[in-house]
């Protein structure tokens, strides 16, 4: 899986990177969060120890969003709604 959102996009959109961690097998995750008006969006990506993206997910106020893969436009709309 390709990482859909870039680190530059996170920074330009107002997301802050939180401290990631290493998983049991040496893989790791990185996550970014945007807080606005008592709400937050968190985007998490998991990587192999070699740096290949395994997948990711989006949470809104602590609940994982499921269904279609969210686009940058979808995230921008969520931010506007917040």
PDB file of N, CA and C in Angstrom:
ATOM      1  N   UNK A   1       0.847  -1.182   0.000  1.00  0.00           N
ATOM      2  CA  UNK A   1       0.000   0.000   0.000  1.00  0.00           C
ATOM      3  C   UNK A   1       0.891   1.243   0.000  1.00  0.00           C
ATOM      4  N   UNK A   2       0.514   2.213  -0.778  1.00  0.00           N
ATOM      5  CA  UNK A   2       1.226   3.479  -0.829  1.00  0.00           C
ATOM      6  C   UNK A   2       0.639   4.407   0.242  1.00  0.00           C
ATOM      7  N   UNK A   3       1.493   5.160   0.884  1.00  0.00           N
ATOM      8  CA  UNK A   3       1.007   6.137   1.860  1.00  0.00           C
ATOM      9  C   UNK A   3       0.315   7.254   1.098  1.00  0.00           C
ATOM     10  N   UNK A   4      -0.979   7.446   1.339  1.00  0.00           N
ATOM     11  CA  UNK A   4      -1.779   8.397   0.575  1.00  0.00           C
ATOM     12  C   UNK A   4      -1.459   9.844   0.960  1.00  0.00           C
ATOM     13  N   UNK A   5      -1.290  10.101   2.252  1.00  0.00           N
ATOM     14  CA  UNK A   5      -1.010  11.455   2.726  1.00  0.00           C
ATOM     15  C   UNK A   5       0.482  11.593   2.976  1.00  0.00           C
ATOM     16  N   UNK A   6       1.076  12.684   2.510  1.00  0.00           N
ATOM     17  CA  UNK A   6       2.507  12.899   2.705  1.00  0.00           C
ATOM     18  C   UNK A   6       2.757  13.681   3.991  1.00  0.00           C
ATOM     19  N   UNK A   7       3.975  13.613   4.469  1.00  0.00           N
ATOM     20  CA  UNK A   7       4.357  14.364   5.664  1.00  0.00           C
ATOM     21  C   UNK A   7       4.188  15.859   5.408  1.00  0.00           C
ATOM     22  N   UNK A   8       4.502  16.308   4.205  1.00  0.00           N
ATOM     23  CA  UNK A   8       4.332  17.722   3.857  1.00  0.00           C
ATOM     24  C   UNK A   8       2.861  18.114   3.899  1.00  0.00           C
ATOM     25  N   UNK A   9       1.984  17.224   3.406  1.00  0.00           N
ATOM     26  CA  UNK A   9       0.554  17.527   3.424  1.00  0.00           C
ATOM     27  C   UNK A   9       0.057  17.663   4.864  1.00  0.00           C
ATOM     28  N   UNK A  10       0.502  16.751   5.745  1.00  0.00           N
ATOM     29  CA  UNK A  10       0.115  16.847   7.152  1.00  0.00           C
ATOM     30  C   UNK A  10       0.517  18.199   7.725  1.00  0.00           C
ATOM     31  N   UNK A  11       1.753  18.611   7.496  1.00  0.00           N
ATOM     32  CA  UNK A  11       2.253  19.878   8.034  1.00  0.00           C
ATOM     33  C   UNK A  11       1.483  21.067   7.459  1.00  0.00           C
ATOM     34  N   UNK A  12       1.219  21.055   6.164  1.00  0.00           N
ATOM     35  CA  UNK A  12       0.510  22.162   5.523  1.00  0.00           C
ATOM     36  C   UNK A  12      -0.954  22.237   5.915  1.00  0.00           C
ATOM     37  N   UNK A  13      -1.513  21.131   6.383  1.00  0.00           N
ATOM     38  CA  UNK A  13      -2.925  21.088   6.766  1.00  0.00           C
ATOM     39  C   UNK A  13      -3.124  21.344   8.256  1.00  0.00           C
ATOM     40  N   UNK A  14      -2.039  21.414   9.014  1.00  0.00           N
ATOM     41  CA  UNK A  14      -2.145  21.715  10.440  1.00  0.00           C
ATOM     42  C   UNK A  14      -2.033  20.513  11.363  1.00  0.00           C
ATOM     43  N   UNK A  15      -1.763  19.326  10.817  1.00  0.00           N
ATOM     44  CA  UNK A  15      -1.595  18.133  11.639  1.00  0.00           C
ATOM     45  C   UNK A  15      -0.252  18.190  12.352  1.00  0.00           C
ATOM     46  N   UNK A  16      -0.210  17.662  13.550  1.00  0.00           N
ATOM     47  CA  UNK A  16       1.020  17.530  14.326  1.00  0.00           C
ATOM     48  C   UNK A  16       1.340  16.045  14.464  1.00  0.00           C
ATOM     49  N   UNK A  17       2.618  15.703  14.286  1.00  0.00           N
ATOM     50  CA  UNK A  17       2.996  14.299  14.449  1.00  0.00           C
ATOM     51  C   UNK A  17       3.116  13.966  15.926  1.00  0.00           C
ATOM     52  N   UNK A  18       2.487  12.868  16.310  1.00  0.00           N
ATOM     53  CA  UNK A  18       2.579  12.359  17.674  1.00  0.00           C
ATOM     54  C   UNK A  18       3.726  11.362  17.734  1.00  0.00           C
ATOM     55  N   UNK A  19       4.147  11.017  18.918  1.00  0.00           N
ATOM     56  CA  UNK A  19       5.246  10.061  19.065  1.00  0.00           C
ATOM     57  C   UNK A  19       4.756   8.667  18.694  1.00  0.00           C
ATOM     58  N   UNK A  20       5.382   8.064  17.680  1.00  0.00           N
ATOM     59  CA  UNK A  20       5.051   6.705  17.261  1.00  0.00           C
ATOM     60  C   UNK A  20       5.755   5.704  18.150  1.00  0.00           C
ATOM     61  N   UNK A  21       5.685   4.443  17.783  1.00  0.00           N
ATOM     62  CA  UNK A  21       6.303   3.406  18.592  1.00  0.00           C
ATOM     63  C   UNK A  21       6.644   2.216  17.697  1.00  0.00           C
ATOM     64  N   UNK A  22       7.478   1.332  18.222  1.00  0.00           N
ATOM     65  CA  UNK A  22       7.869   0.110  17.528  1.00  0.00           C
ATOM     66  C   UNK A  22       6.955  -1.025  17.967  1.00  0.00           C
ATOM     67  N   UNK A  23       6.557  -1.861  17.010  1.00  0.00           N
ATOM     68  CA  UNK A  23       5.724  -3.023  17.299  1.00  0.00           C
ATOM     69  C   UNK A  23       6.612  -4.224  17.618  1.00  0.00           C
ATOM     70  N   UNK A  24       6.019  -5.305  18.077  1.00  0.00           N
ATOM     71  CA  UNK A  24       6.768  -6.480  18.537  1.00  0.00           C
ATOM     72  C   UNK A  24       7.762  -7.028  17.515  1.00  0.00           C
ATOM     73  N   UNK A  25       7.408  -7.050  16.253  1.00  0.00           N
ATOM     74  CA  UNK A  25       8.257  -7.674  15.235  1.00  0.00           C
ATOM     75  C   UNK A  25       9.238  -6.700  14.585  1.00  0.00           C
ATOM     76  N   UNK A  26       9.371  -5.493  15.133  1.00  0.00           N
ATOM     77  CA  UNK A  26      10.281  -4.503  14.571  1.00  0.00           C
ATOM     78  C   UNK A  26       9.609  -3.518  13.641  1.00  0.00           C
ATOM     79  N   UNK A  27       8.371  -3.832  13.231  1.00  0.00           N
ATOM     80  CA  UNK A  27       7.615  -2.861  12.449  1.00  0.00           C
ATOM     81  C   UNK A  27       7.296  -1.675  13.356  1.00  0.00           C
ATOM     82  N   UNK A  28       6.809  -0.602  12.778  1.00  0.00           N
ATOM     83  CA  UNK A  28       6.515   0.589  13.582  1.00  0.00           C
ATOM     84  C   UNK A  28       5.345   1.361  13.002  1.00  0.00           C
ATOM     85  N   UNK A  29       4.863   2.334  13.754  1.00  0.00           N
ATOM     86  CA  UNK A  29       3.800   3.191  13.256  1.00  0.00           C
ATOM     87  C   UNK A  29       4.147   4.655  13.514  1.00  0.00           C
ATOM     88  N   UNK A  30       3.551   5.497  12.676  1.00  0.00           N
ATOM     89  CA  UNK A  30       3.635   6.942  12.844  1.00  0.00           C
ATOM     90  C   UNK A  30       2.204   7.451  12.775  1.00  0.00           C
ATOM     91  N   UNK A  31       1.924   8.505  13.555  1.00  0.00           N
ATOM     92  CA  UNK A  31       0.574   9.054  13.519  1.00  0.00           C
ATOM     93  C   UNK A  31       0.591  10.557  13.658  1.00  0.00           C
ATOM     94  N   UNK A  32      -0.439  11.158  13.075  1.00  0.00           N
ATOM     95  CA  UNK A  32      -0.579  12.607  13.044  1.00  0.00           C
ATOM     96  C   UNK A  32      -1.980  12.959  13.513  1.00  0.00           C
ATOM     97  N   UNK A  33      -2.094  14.107  14.194  1.00  0.00           N
ATOM     98  CA  UNK A  33      -3.392  14.491  14.746  1.00  0.00           C
ATOM     99  C   UNK A  33      -3.645  15.981  14.527  1.00  0.00           C
ATOM    100  N   UNK A  34      -4.904  16.293  14.244  1.00  0.00           N
ATOM    101  CA  UNK A  34      -5.352  17.673  14.134  1.00  0.00           C
ATOM    102  C   UNK A  34      -6.473  17.864  15.151  1.00  0.00           C
ATOM    103  N   UNK A  35      -6.328  18.865  16.005  1.00  0.00           N
ATOM    104  CA  UNK A  35      -7.344  19.200  17.007  1.00  0.00           C
ATOM    105  C   UNK A  35      -7.996  20.515  16.629  1.00  0.00           C
ATOM    106  N   UNK A  36      -9.329  20.549  16.710  1.00  0.00           N
ATOM    107  CA  UNK A  36     -10.067  21.773  16.401  1.00  0.00           C
ATOM    108  C   UNK A  36     -11.433  21.703  17.080  1.00  0.00           C
ATOM    109  N   UNK A  37     -11.773  22.730  17.837  1.00  0.00           N
ATOM    110  CA  UNK A  37     -13.097  22.843  18.454  1.00  0.00           C
ATOM    111  C   UNK A  37     -13.522  21.578  19.204  1.00  0.00           C
ATOM    112  N   UNK A  38     -12.685  21.100  20.092  1.00  0.00           N
ATOM    113  CA  UNK A  38     -12.979  19.922  20.914  1.00  0.00           C
ATOM    114  C   UNK A  38     -13.181  18.638  20.112  1.00  0.00           C
ATOM    115  N   UNK A  39     -12.692  18.599  18.872  1.00  0.00           N
ATOM    116  CA  UNK A  39     -12.733  17.400  18.046  1.00  0.00           C
ATOM    117  C   UNK A  39     -11.322  17.130  17.542  1.00  0.00           C
ATOM    118  N   UNK A  40     -11.087  15.894  17.084  1.00  0.00           N
ATOM    119  CA  UNK A  40      -9.781  15.611  16.506  1.00  0.00           C
ATOM    120  C   UNK A  40      -9.877  14.542  15.428  1.00  0.00           C
ATOM    121  N   UNK A  41      -8.933  14.639  14.501  1.00  0.00           N
ATOM    122  CA  UNK A  41      -8.753  13.646  13.448  1.00  0.00           C
ATOM    123  C   UNK A  41      -7.349  13.084  13.643  1.00  0.00           C
ATOM    124  N   UNK A  42      -7.238  11.767  13.673  1.00  0.00           N
ATOM    125  CA  UNK A  42      -5.946  11.108  13.801  1.00  0.00           C
ATOM    126  C   UNK A  42      -5.765  10.177  12.604  1.00  0.00           C
ATOM    127  N   UNK A  43      -4.610  10.288  11.946  1.00  0.00           N
ATOM    128  CA  UNK A  43      -4.285   9.420  10.814  1.00  0.00           C
ATOM    129  C   UNK A  43      -3.042   8.632  11.190  1.00  0.00           C
ATOM    130  N   UNK A  44      -3.140   7.313  11.122  1.00  0.00           N
ATOM    131  CA  UNK A  44      -2.062   6.416  11.524  1.00  0.00           C
ATOM    132  C   UNK A  44      -1.621   5.568  10.337  1.00  0.00           C
ATOM    133  N   UNK A  45      -0.299   5.422  10.174  1.00  0.00           N
ATOM    134  CA  UNK A  45       0.269   4.522   9.174  1.00  0.00           C
ATOM    135  C   UNK A  45       1.197   3.543   9.871  1.00  0.00           C
ATOM    136  N   UNK A  46       1.149   2.280   9.445  1.00  0.00           N
ATOM    137  CA  UNK A  46       2.050   1.254   9.960  1.00  0.00           C
ATOM    138  C   UNK A  46       3.059   0.911   8.866  1.00  0.00           C
ATOM    139  N   UNK A  47       4.317   0.664   9.292  1.00  0.00           N
ATOM    140  CA  UNK A  47       5.411   0.410   8.367  1.00  0.00           C
ATOM    141  C   UNK A  47       6.170  -0.846   8.777  1.00  0.00           C
ATOM    142  N   UNK A  48       6.782  -1.494   7.782  1.00  0.00           N
ATOM    143  CA  UNK A  48       7.710  -2.580   8.096  1.00  0.00           C
ATOM    144  C   UNK A  48       8.977  -1.958   8.654  1.00  0.00           C
ATOM    145  N   UNK A  49       9.813  -2.779   9.266  1.00  0.00           N
ATOM    146  CA  UNK A  49      11.068  -2.251   9.808  1.00  0.00           C
ATOM    147  C   UNK A  49      11.950  -1.686   8.702  1.00  0.00           C
ATOM    148  N   UNK A  50      11.684  -2.071   7.441  1.00  0.00           N
ATOM    149  CA  UNK A  50      12.427  -1.537   6.297  1.00  0.00           C
ATOM    150  C   UNK A  50      11.838  -0.223   5.785  1.00  0.00           C
ATOM    151  N   UNK A  51      10.693   0.186   6.325  1.00  0.00           N
ATOM    152  CA  UNK A  51      10.087   1.459   5.934  1.00  0.00           C
ATOM    153  C   UNK A  51       8.984   1.370   4.899  1.00  0.00           C
ATOM    154  N   UNK A  52       8.563   0.158   4.523  1.00  0.00           N
ATOM    155  CA  UNK A  52       7.473  -0.006   3.561  1.00  0.00           C
ATOM    156  C   UNK A  52       6.130   0.154   4.283  1.00  0.00           C
ATOM    157  N   UNK A  53       5.241   0.956   3.704  1.00  0.00           N
ATOM    158  CA  UNK A  53       3.937   1.198   4.317  1.00  0.00           C
ATOM    159  C   UNK A  53       3.055  -0.040   4.203  1.00  0.00           C
ATOM    160  N   UNK A  54       2.543  -0.507   5.345  1.00  0.00           N
ATOM    161  CA  UNK A  54       1.671  -1.678   5.391  1.00  0.00           C
ATOM    162  C   UNK A  54       0.195  -1.299   5.287  1.00  0.00           C
ATOM    163  N   UNK A  55      -0.158  -0.121   5.730  1.00  0.00           N
ATOM    164  CA  UNK A  55      -1.548   0.302   5.726  1.00  0.00           C
ATOM    165  C   UNK A  55      -1.756   1.440   6.692  1.00  0.00           C
ATOM    166  N   UNK A  56      -2.962   1.938   6.692  1.00  0.00           N
ATOM    167  CA  UNK A  56      -3.263   3.042   7.580  1.00  0.00           C
ATOM    168  C   UNK A  56      -4.745   3.148   7.841  1.00  0.00           C
ATOM    169  N   UNK A  57      -5.088   4.040   8.752  1.00  0.00           N
ATOM    170  CA  UNK A  57      -6.494   4.274   9.049  1.00  0.00           C
ATOM    171  C   UNK A  57      -6.675   5.674   9.616  1.00  0.00           C
ATOM    172  N   UNK A  58      -7.938   6.119   9.583  1.00  0.00           N
ATOM    173  CA  UNK A  58      -8.303   7.455  10.052  1.00  0.00           C
ATOM    174  C   UNK A  58      -9.286   7.296  11.202  1.00  0.00           C
ATOM    175  N   UNK A  59      -9.071   8.082  12.254  1.00  0.00           N
ATOM    176  CA  UNK A  59     -10.004   8.121  13.375  1.00  0.00           C
ATOM    177  C   UNK A  59     -10.545   9.540  13.522  1.00  0.00           C
ATOM    178  N   UNK A  60     -11.827   9.627  13.843  1.00  0.00           N
ATOM    179  CA  UNK A  60     -12.467  10.906  14.142  1.00  0.00           C
ATOM    180  C   UNK A  60     -13.008  10.808  15.560  1.00  0.00           C
ATOM    181  N   UNK A  61     -12.483  11.636  16.447  1.00  0.00           N
ATOM    182  CA  UNK A  61     -12.862  11.618  17.864  1.00  0.00           C
ATOM    183  C   UNK A  61     -12.750  10.215  18.465  1.00  0.00           C
ATOM    184  N   UNK A  62     -11.667   9.525  18.107  1.00  0.00           N
ATOM    185  CA  UNK A  62     -11.388   8.222  18.701  1.00  0.00           C
ATOM    186  C   UNK A  62     -12.085   7.046  18.055  1.00  0.00           C
ATOM    187  N   UNK A  63     -12.906   7.286  17.045  1.00  0.00           N
ATOM    188  CA  UNK A  63     -13.612   6.201  16.362  1.00  0.00           C
ATOM    189  C   UNK A  63     -13.032   6.010  14.971  1.00  0.00           C
ATOM    190  N   UNK A  64     -12.628   4.779  14.663  1.00  0.00           N
ATOM    191  CA  UNK A  64     -12.044   4.503  13.358  1.00  0.00           C
ATOM    192  C   UNK A  64     -13.104   4.610  12.277  1.00  0.00           C
ATOM    193  N   UNK A  65     -12.805   5.383  11.226  1.00  0.00           N
ATOM    194  CA  UNK A  65     -13.723   5.537  10.100  1.00  0.00           C
ATOM    195  C   UNK A  65     -13.507   4.374   9.141  1.00  0.00           C
ATOM    196  N   UNK A  66     -14.595   3.751   8.747  1.00  0.00           N
ATOM    197  CA  UNK A  66     -14.520   2.575   7.877  1.00  0.00           C
ATOM    198  C   UNK A  66     -15.318   2.836   6.615  1.00  0.00           C
ATOM    199  N   UNK A  67     -15.087   2.021   5.634  1.00  0.00           N
ATOM    200  CA  UNK A  67     -15.783   2.168   4.356  1.00  0.00           C
ATOM    201  C   UNK A  67     -14.780   2.502   3.282  1.00  0.00           C
ATOM    202  N   UNK A  68     -15.055   3.523   2.516  1.00  0.00           N
ATOM    203  CA  UNK A  68     -14.172   3.886   1.412  1.00  0.00           C
ATOM    204  C   UNK A  68     -12.862   4.491   1.925  1.00  0.00           C
ATOM    205  N   UNK A  69     -11.841   4.445   1.087  1.00  0.00           N
ATOM    206  CA  UNK A  69     -10.582   5.100   1.416  1.00  0.00           C
ATOM    207  C   UNK A  69     -10.804   6.600   1.344  1.00  0.00           C
ATOM    208  N   UNK A  70     -10.453   7.302   2.416  1.00  0.00           N
ATOM    209  CA  UNK A  70     -10.685   8.740   2.464  1.00  0.00           C
ATOM    210  C   UNK A  70      -9.643   9.487   1.652  1.00  0.00           C
ATOM    211  N   UNK A  71     -10.111  10.492   0.917  1.00  0.00           N
ATOM    212  CA  UNK A  71      -9.233  11.324   0.110  1.00  0.00           C
ATOM    213  C   UNK A  71      -8.875  12.593   0.883  1.00  0.00           C
ATOM    214  N   UNK A  72      -7.964  13.356   0.325  1.00  0.00           N
ATOM    215  CA  UNK A  72      -7.600  14.639   0.926  1.00  0.00           C
ATOM    216  C   UNK A  72      -8.819  15.554   0.996  1.00  0.00           C
ATOM    217  N   UNK A  73      -9.666  15.503  -0.028  1.00  0.00           N
ATOM    218  CA  UNK A  73     -10.877  16.319  -0.030  1.00  0.00           C
ATOM    219  C   UNK A  73     -11.825  15.906   1.100  1.00  0.00           C
ATOM    220  N   UNK A  74     -11.925  14.597   1.366  1.00  0.00           N
ATOM    221  CA  UNK A  74     -12.763  14.105   2.462  1.00  0.00           C
ATOM    222  C   UNK A  74     -12.251  14.637   3.800  1.00  0.00           C
ATOM    223  N   UNK A  75     -10.935  14.588   4.002  1.00  0.00           N
ATOM    224  CA  UNK A  75     -10.355  15.071   5.258  1.00  0.00           C
ATOM    225  C   UNK A  75     -10.554  16.568   5.389  1.00  0.00           C
ATOM    226  N   UNK A  76     -10.378  17.304   4.296  1.00  0.00           N
ATOM    227  CA  UNK A  76     -10.604  18.762   4.334  1.00  0.00           C
ATOM    228  C   UNK A  76     -12.046  19.080   4.698  1.00  0.00           C
ATOM    229  N   UNK A  77     -13.002  18.291   4.196  1.00  0.00           N
ATOM    230  CA  UNK A  77     -14.413  18.496   4.534  1.00  0.00           C
ATOM    231  C   UNK A  77     -14.636  18.229   6.029  1.00  0.00           C
ATOM    232  N   UNK A  78     -14.044  17.161   6.558  1.00  0.00           N
ATOM    233  CA  UNK A  78     -14.156  16.884   8.001  1.00  0.00           C
ATOM    234  C   UNK A  78     -13.612  18.058   8.819  1.00  0.00           C
ATOM    235  N   UNK A  79     -12.489  18.619   8.383  1.00  0.00           N
ATOM    236  CA  UNK A  79     -11.895  19.753   9.094  1.00  0.00           C
ATOM    237  C   UNK A  79     -12.833  20.946   9.061  1.00  0.00           C
ATOM    238  N   UNK A  80     -13.463  21.206   7.908  1.00  0.00           N
ATOM    239  CA  UNK A  80     -14.415  22.313   7.811  1.00  0.00           C
ATOM    240  C   UNK A  80     -15.607  22.099   8.736  1.00  0.00           C
ATOM    241  N   UNK A  81     -16.082  20.864   8.818  1.00  0.00           N
ATOM    242  CA  UNK A  81     -17.231  20.549   9.671  1.00  0.00           C
ATOM    243  C   UNK A  81     -16.885  20.755  11.144  1.00  0.00           C
ATOM    244  N   UNK A  82     -15.622  20.427  11.491  1.00  0.00           N
ATOM    245  CA  UNK A  82     -15.189  20.569  12.878  1.00  0.00           C
ATOM    246  C   UNK A  82     -15.308  22.024  13.302  1.00  0.00           C
TER     247      UNK A  82
END
